[in-house]
C-alpha cells in the first residue's frame, strides 16, 4: 500500500478519501513483566491471569518460595553459629 496522498507521512487510513484500510498510527500493545518467571506476557487481564494460573508460573513461584524459606533457615543457622562462637571466645 502506498502512503496517503493527502497526508504522505502517514500510512493509509480509513478516515481519508484515499480509501485506505489501515489505522493512522501504530499502537503498541501493553505488556506485563512477570517478576517470578522473568518473562513478558500480554497486558490484557485475561492473559495475565492465564499466565499466573499456568503450570510454569506455579512452578517458578513454588521454587522461589522454597528458596526464600531455605535462605531464612540458613540465615538463622549462621546467626546461631556466630553467637556460639562469641560465647566460646568469652
Protein backbone atom coordinates (compact mmCIF):
# COMPACT_ATOMS: atom_id res chain seq x y z
CA UNK A 1 0.00 0.00 0.00
CA UNK A 2 1.19 3.44 -0.85
CA UNK A 3 1.11 6.39 1.51
CA UNK A 4 -1.99 8.54 1.79
CA UNK A 5 -1.96 11.29 -0.90
CA UNK A 6 -3.45 13.86 1.50
CA UNK A 7 -1.05 13.05 4.31
CA UNK A 8 2.00 11.34 2.75
CA UNK A 9 3.87 10.89 6.05
CA UNK A 10 1.18 8.51 7.31
CA UNK A 11 0.20 5.04 6.25
CA UNK A 12 -3.21 4.69 4.56
CA UNK A 13 -6.14 5.11 6.92
CA UNK A 14 -9.91 4.77 6.89
CA UNK A 15 -10.80 8.37 7.72
CA UNK A 16 -9.32 9.75 4.49
CA UNK A 17 -10.76 9.93 0.99
CA UNK A 18 -7.90 7.76 -0.23
CA UNK A 19 -9.86 4.70 0.94
CA UNK A 20 -7.04 3.18 2.96
CA UNK A 21 -7.92 0.43 5.41
CA UNK A 22 -5.12 0.76 7.97
CA UNK A 23 -5.16 2.85 11.12
CA UNK A 24 -3.43 6.20 11.32
CA UNK A 25 -0.88 5.30 13.98
CA UNK A 26 0.62 2.02 15.08
CA UNK A 27 -0.08 1.46 18.77
CA UNK A 28 1.95 -0.99 20.78
CA UNK A 29 0.03 -3.44 22.92
CA UNK A 30 0.51 -3.14 26.66
CA UNK A 31 2.88 -5.74 28.14
CA UNK A 32 3.18 -7.21 31.62
CA UNK A 33 6.52 -8.30 33.16
CA UNK A 34 6.34 -11.31 35.48
CA UNK A 35 9.00 -10.90 38.18
CA UNK A 36 8.71 -14.56 39.19
CA UNK A 37 9.16 -16.10 35.73
CA UNK A 38 11.14 -13.21 34.26
CA UNK A 39 9.07 -13.15 31.07
CA UNK A 40 6.85 -10.66 29.25
CA UNK A 41 3.18 -11.54 28.89
CA UNK A 42 0.34 -9.72 27.19
CA UNK A 43 -1.03 -6.80 29.19
CA UNK A 44 -4.68 -7.81 28.94
CA UNK A 45 -6.09 -9.01 32.28
CA UNK A 46 -7.13 -12.37 30.78
CA UNK A 47 -3.60 -13.02 29.51
CA UNK A 48 -2.10 -12.08 32.88
CA UNK A 49 -4.49 -14.41 34.72
CA UNK A 50 -3.82 -17.22 32.23
CA UNK A 51 -0.08 -16.85 32.87
CA UNK A 52 -0.46 -16.72 36.66
CA UNK A 53 -2.62 -19.84 36.64
CA UNK A 54 -0.27 -21.67 34.28
CA UNK A 55 1.98 -24.56 35.25
CA UNK A 56 5.25 -22.71 34.52
CA UNK A 57 4.33 -19.75 36.74
CA UNK A 58 3.11 -22.01 39.55
CA UNK A 59 6.36 -23.99 39.48
CA UNK A 60 8.52 -20.87 39.45
CA UNK A 61 6.52 -19.38 42.32
CA UNK A 62 6.87 -22.57 44.39
CA UNK A 63 10.61 -22.68 43.69
CA UNK A 64 11.02 -19.02 44.65
CA UNK A 65 9.18 -19.53 47.96
CA UNK A 66 11.17 -22.70 48.74
CA UNK A 67 14.45 -20.86 48.12
CA UNK A 68 13.32 -17.93 50.29
CA UNK A 69 12.48 -20.30 53.18
CA UNK A 70 15.86 -22.02 52.80
CA UNK A 71 17.69 -18.67 52.83
CA UNK A 72 15.88 -17.76 56.06
CA UNK A 73 16.84 -21.10 57.67
CA UNK A 74 20.47 -20.60 56.60
CA UNK A 75 20.45 -17.04 57.94
CA UNK A 76 19.15 -18.21 61.34
CA UNK A 77 21.74 -21.02 61.43
CA UNK A 78 24.57 -18.57 60.66
CA UNK A 79 23.30 -16.22 63.36
CA UNK A 80 23.31 -19.03 65.95
CA UNK A 81 26.81 -20.11 64.88
CA UNK A 82 28.13 -16.57 65.34
CA UNK A 83 26.54 -16.33 68.80
CA UNK A 84 28.04 -19.71 69.79
CA UNK A 85 31.50 -18.61 68.61
CA UNK A 86 31.21 -15.37 70.60
CA UNK A 87 30.27 -17.35 73.74
CA UNK A 88 33.26 -19.65 73.25
CA UNK A 89 35.61 -16.68 72.88
CA UNK A 90 34.38 -15.10 76.14
